[in-house]
Each structure stands twice: as structure tokens, then as C-alpha cells.
Amino acid sequence: MSPFRSNIRRKIRLKKKEYPDESEYRAALAVTQHQLGHMLRHADEATAAFTVSSELLKELNEETPQNMVYVKQLAHNYSHLGRLLYDVGKTEEAHETYRASVQLIGEPG
């Protein structure tokens, strides 16, 4: 695991301890990580940011499955993560991630 990824995960664990019941805070952190994934130029760092965002959104979705905002954000995040994985040659992981996105929102059409 890269130092960047380790540092991000450590910070998230600390913040989750400070604000364990603040779903709005965790949702904002997930969005921030998603946006960071777009800005990072190195694939491993961008993947780490999208992965952290996905983990946070997955937790929020499990806690409140009726909140469609989290479902849509998670599906959107999986889509971007899948594209990034595909671009770096991790096609099987990319396909799994795309399938997870489709499973959340259903087949188009």
C-alpha cells in the first residue's frame, strides 16, 4: 500500500472515531475523495481515493439503504473506478467494478 493511501486511510479512521454517527460528514468525505480521485495524476493514488470514497459510500448505503443519494453516488463512483482500473490494464477488476455499479442502479434502457 502506498504511503498516500495509508495516510488517507489513517485520517479517515481518526475522523470516523471523532464523528461516528455523523453520516453527513462521512458523505461529504466520500464526495471529497471522489473529487480527489479526478484530480490525482498517478493511477495508484487516484485508485486509492476512489476506493476510499467507495468504502465510505458502501457503509452509508448499508446503514441507510433507502437513501437513494448514497446509492447513486456509489454507482457513479464505481463507474469512475472501473474506468480507471480498465485504463491501467486491470480489466477483470474493472469489469467487477462495473458490474457492481450496474447491480446498484440496474441495466440501462
C-alpha atoms as a PDB file:
ATOM      1  CA  MET A   1       0.000   0.000   0.000  1.00  0.00           C
ATOM      2  CA  SER A   2       1.359   3.412  -0.948  1.00  0.00           C
ATOM      3  CA  PRO A   3       2.168   5.961   1.776  1.00  0.00           C
ATOM      4  CA  PHE A   4      -0.515   8.241   0.326  1.00  0.00           C
ATOM      5  CA  ARG A   5      -3.165   5.560   0.623  1.00  0.00           C
ATOM      6  CA  SER A   6      -2.056   4.604   4.135  1.00  0.00           C
ATOM      7  CA  ASN A   7      -2.206   8.224   5.252  1.00  0.00           C
ATOM      8  CA  ILE A   8      -5.688   8.740   3.812  1.00  0.00           C
ATOM      9  CA  ARG A   9      -6.996   5.584   5.467  1.00  0.00           C
ATOM     10  CA  ARG A  10      -5.464   6.597   8.804  1.00  0.00           C
ATOM     11  CA  LYS A  11      -7.074  10.036   8.638  1.00  0.00           C
ATOM     12  CA  ILE A  12     -10.450   8.555   7.798  1.00  0.00           C
ATOM     13  CA  ARG A  13     -10.249   6.120  10.719  1.00  0.00           C
ATOM     14  CA  LEU A  14      -9.456   9.017  13.053  1.00  0.00           C
ATOM     15  CA  LYS A  15     -12.330  11.133  11.751  1.00  0.00           C
ATOM     16  CA  LYS A  16     -14.738   8.209  11.974  1.00  0.00           C
ATOM     17  CA  LYS A  17     -13.794   7.870  15.635  1.00  0.00           C
ATOM     18  CA  GLU A  18     -14.398  11.581  16.196  1.00  0.00           C
ATOM     19  CA  TYR A  19     -17.731  11.617  14.350  1.00  0.00           C
ATOM     20  CA  PRO A  20     -19.027   8.034  14.299  1.00  0.00           C
ATOM     21  CA  ASP A  21     -22.689   8.991  13.955  1.00  0.00           C
ATOM     22  CA  GLU A  22     -22.304  11.862  11.510  1.00  0.00           C
ATOM     23  CA  SER A  23     -23.434  10.371   8.206  1.00  0.00           C
ATOM     24  CA  GLU A  24     -23.405  13.810   6.569  1.00  0.00           C
ATOM     25  CA  TYR A  25     -19.742  14.200   7.458  1.00  0.00           C
ATOM     26  CA  ARG A  26     -18.864  10.789   6.036  1.00  0.00           C
ATOM     27  CA  ALA A  27     -20.885  11.505   2.896  1.00  0.00           C
ATOM     28  CA  ALA A  28     -19.019  14.780   2.384  1.00  0.00           C
ATOM     29  CA  LEU A  29     -15.727  12.973   2.927  1.00  0.00           C
ATOM     30  CA  ALA A  30     -16.734  10.390   0.311  1.00  0.00           C
ATOM     31  CA  VAL A  31     -17.527  13.134  -2.213  1.00  0.00           C
ATOM     32  CA  THR A  32     -14.209  14.839  -1.445  1.00  0.00           C
ATOM     33  CA  GLN A  33     -12.333  11.583  -2.024  1.00  0.00           C
ATOM     34  CA  HIS A  34     -14.206  11.100  -5.306  1.00  0.00           C
ATOM     35  CA  GLN A  35     -13.222  14.582  -6.466  1.00  0.00           C
ATOM     36  CA  LEU A  36      -9.651  13.976  -5.349  1.00  0.00           C
ATOM     37  CA  GLY A  37      -9.617  10.839  -7.491  1.00  0.00           C
ATOM     38  CA  HIS A  38     -10.347  13.003 -10.528  1.00  0.00           C
ATOM     39  CA  MET A  39      -7.548  15.438  -9.705  1.00  0.00           C
ATOM     40  CA  LEU A  40      -4.747  12.989  -8.963  1.00  0.00           C
ATOM     41  CA  ARG A  41      -2.416  12.250 -11.837  1.00  0.00           C
ATOM     42  CA  HIS A  42      -0.970   8.952 -10.619  1.00  0.00           C
ATOM     43  CA  ALA A  43      -3.206   5.961 -11.163  1.00  0.00           C
ATOM     44  CA  ASP A  44      -2.402   4.340  -7.820  1.00  0.00           C
ATOM     45  CA  GLU A  45      -3.263   7.493  -5.878  1.00  0.00           C
ATOM     46  CA  ALA A  46      -6.449   8.091  -7.868  1.00  0.00           C
ATOM     47  CA  THR A  47      -7.444   4.459  -7.354  1.00  0.00           C
ATOM     48  CA  ALA A  48      -6.849   4.860  -3.621  1.00  0.00           C
ATOM     49  CA  ALA A  49      -9.063   7.957  -3.482  1.00  0.00           C
ATOM     50  CA  PHE A  50     -11.892   6.297  -5.442  1.00  0.00           C
ATOM     51  CA  THR A  51     -11.558   3.184  -3.275  1.00  0.00           C
ATOM     52  CA  VAL A  52     -11.819   5.185  -0.049  1.00  0.00           C
ATOM     53  CA  SER A  53     -14.844   7.002  -1.438  1.00  0.00           C
ATOM     54  CA  SER A  54     -16.427   3.676  -2.395  1.00  0.00           C
ATOM     55  CA  GLU A  55     -15.821   2.207   1.054  1.00  0.00           C
ATOM     56  CA  LEU A  56     -17.425   5.191   2.781  1.00  0.00           C
ATOM     57  CA  LEU A  57     -20.413   5.206   0.448  1.00  0.00           C
ATOM     58  CA  LYS A  58     -20.854   1.446   0.798  1.00  0.00           C
ATOM     59  CA  GLU A  59     -21.007   1.820   4.592  1.00  0.00           C
ATOM     60  CA  LEU A  60     -23.522   4.663   4.299  1.00  0.00           C
ATOM     61  CA  ASN A  61     -25.594   2.656   1.839  1.00  0.00           C
ATOM     62  CA  GLU A  62     -25.643  -0.339   4.189  1.00  0.00           C
ATOM     63  CA  GLU A  63     -26.707   1.884   7.098  1.00  0.00           C
ATOM     64  CA  THR A  64     -29.455   3.665   5.166  1.00  0.00           C
ATOM     65  CA  PRO A  65     -30.361   1.621   2.065  1.00  0.00           C
ATOM     66  CA  GLN A  66     -33.448   3.765   1.497  1.00  0.00           C
ATOM     67  CA  ASN A  67     -31.260   6.829   0.806  1.00  0.00           C
ATOM     68  CA  MET A  68     -31.017   6.795  -2.982  1.00  0.00           C
ATOM     69  CA  VAL A  69     -28.466   9.619  -2.975  1.00  0.00           C
ATOM     70  CA  TYR A  70     -25.881   7.262  -1.493  1.00  0.00           C
ATOM     71  CA  VAL A  71     -26.840   4.504  -3.931  1.00  0.00           C
ATOM     72  CA  LYS A  72     -26.412   6.820  -6.930  1.00  0.00           C
ATOM     73  CA  GLN A  73     -23.146   8.243  -5.621  1.00  0.00           C
ATOM     74  CA  LEU A  74     -21.761   4.760  -5.024  1.00  0.00           C
ATOM     75  CA  ALA A  75     -22.767   3.603  -8.511  1.00  0.00           C
ATOM     76  CA  HIS A  76     -21.217   6.746 -10.014  1.00  0.00           C
ATOM     77  CA  ASN A  77     -18.039   6.202  -8.019  1.00  0.00           C
ATOM     78  CA  TYR A  78     -17.811   2.550  -9.111  1.00  0.00           C
ATOM     79  CA  SER A  79     -18.147   3.705 -12.716  1.00  0.00           C
ATOM     80  CA  HIS A  80     -15.157   6.035 -12.416  1.00  0.00           C
ATOM     81  CA  LEU A  81     -13.120   3.469 -10.515  1.00  0.00           C
ATOM     82  CA  GLY A  82     -13.911   0.870 -13.182  1.00  0.00           C
ATOM     83  CA  ARG A  83     -12.741   3.177 -15.942  1.00  0.00           C
ATOM     84  CA  LEU A  84      -9.501   3.913 -14.103  1.00  0.00           C
ATOM     85  CA  LEU A  85      -8.862   0.209 -13.497  1.00  0.00           C
ATOM     86  CA  TYR A  86      -9.534  -0.526 -17.169  1.00  0.00           C
ATOM     87  CA  ASP A  87      -7.162   2.246 -18.272  1.00  0.00           C
ATOM     88  CA  VAL A  88      -4.295   0.734 -16.255  1.00  0.00           C
ATOM     89  CA  GLY A  89      -4.906  -2.749 -17.627  1.00  0.00           C
ATOM     90  CA  LYS A  90      -6.776  -4.275 -14.685  1.00  0.00           C
ATOM     91  CA  THR A  91      -9.632  -5.437 -16.875  1.00  0.00           C
ATOM     92  CA  GLU A  92     -11.068  -8.137 -14.602  1.00  0.00           C
ATOM     93  CA  GLU A  93     -11.184  -5.751 -11.630  1.00  0.00           C
ATOM     94  CA  ALA A  94     -12.694  -3.112 -13.905  1.00  0.00           C
ATOM     95  CA  HIS A  95     -15.428  -5.495 -15.056  1.00  0.00           C
ATOM     96  CA  GLU A  96     -16.230  -6.461 -11.459  1.00  0.00           C
ATOM     97  CA  THR A  97     -16.471  -2.796 -10.508  1.00  0.00           C
ATOM     98  CA  TYR A  98     -18.704  -2.004 -13.493  1.00  0.00           C
ATOM     99  CA  ARG A  99     -20.933  -4.961 -12.578  1.00  0.00           C
ATOM    100  CA  ALA A 100     -21.253  -3.610  -9.030  1.00  0.00           C
ATOM    101  CA  SER A 101     -22.328  -0.249 -10.454  1.00  0.00           C
ATOM    102  CA  VAL A 102     -24.951  -1.816 -12.702  1.00  0.00           C
ATOM    103  CA  GLN A 103     -26.210  -4.019  -9.874  1.00  0.00           C
ATOM    104  CA  LEU A 104     -26.877  -0.909  -7.778  1.00  0.00           C
ATOM    105  CA  ILE A 105     -28.811   1.029 -10.404  1.00  0.00           C
ATOM    106  CA  GLY A 106     -29.973  -1.658 -12.826  1.00  0.00           C
ATOM    107  CA  GLU A 107     -29.417  -2.214 -16.526  1.00  0.00           C
ATOM    108  CA  PRO A 108     -29.845   0.845 -18.777  1.00  0.00           C
ATOM    109  CA  GLY A 109     -32.812   1.007 -21.086  1.00  0.00           C
END
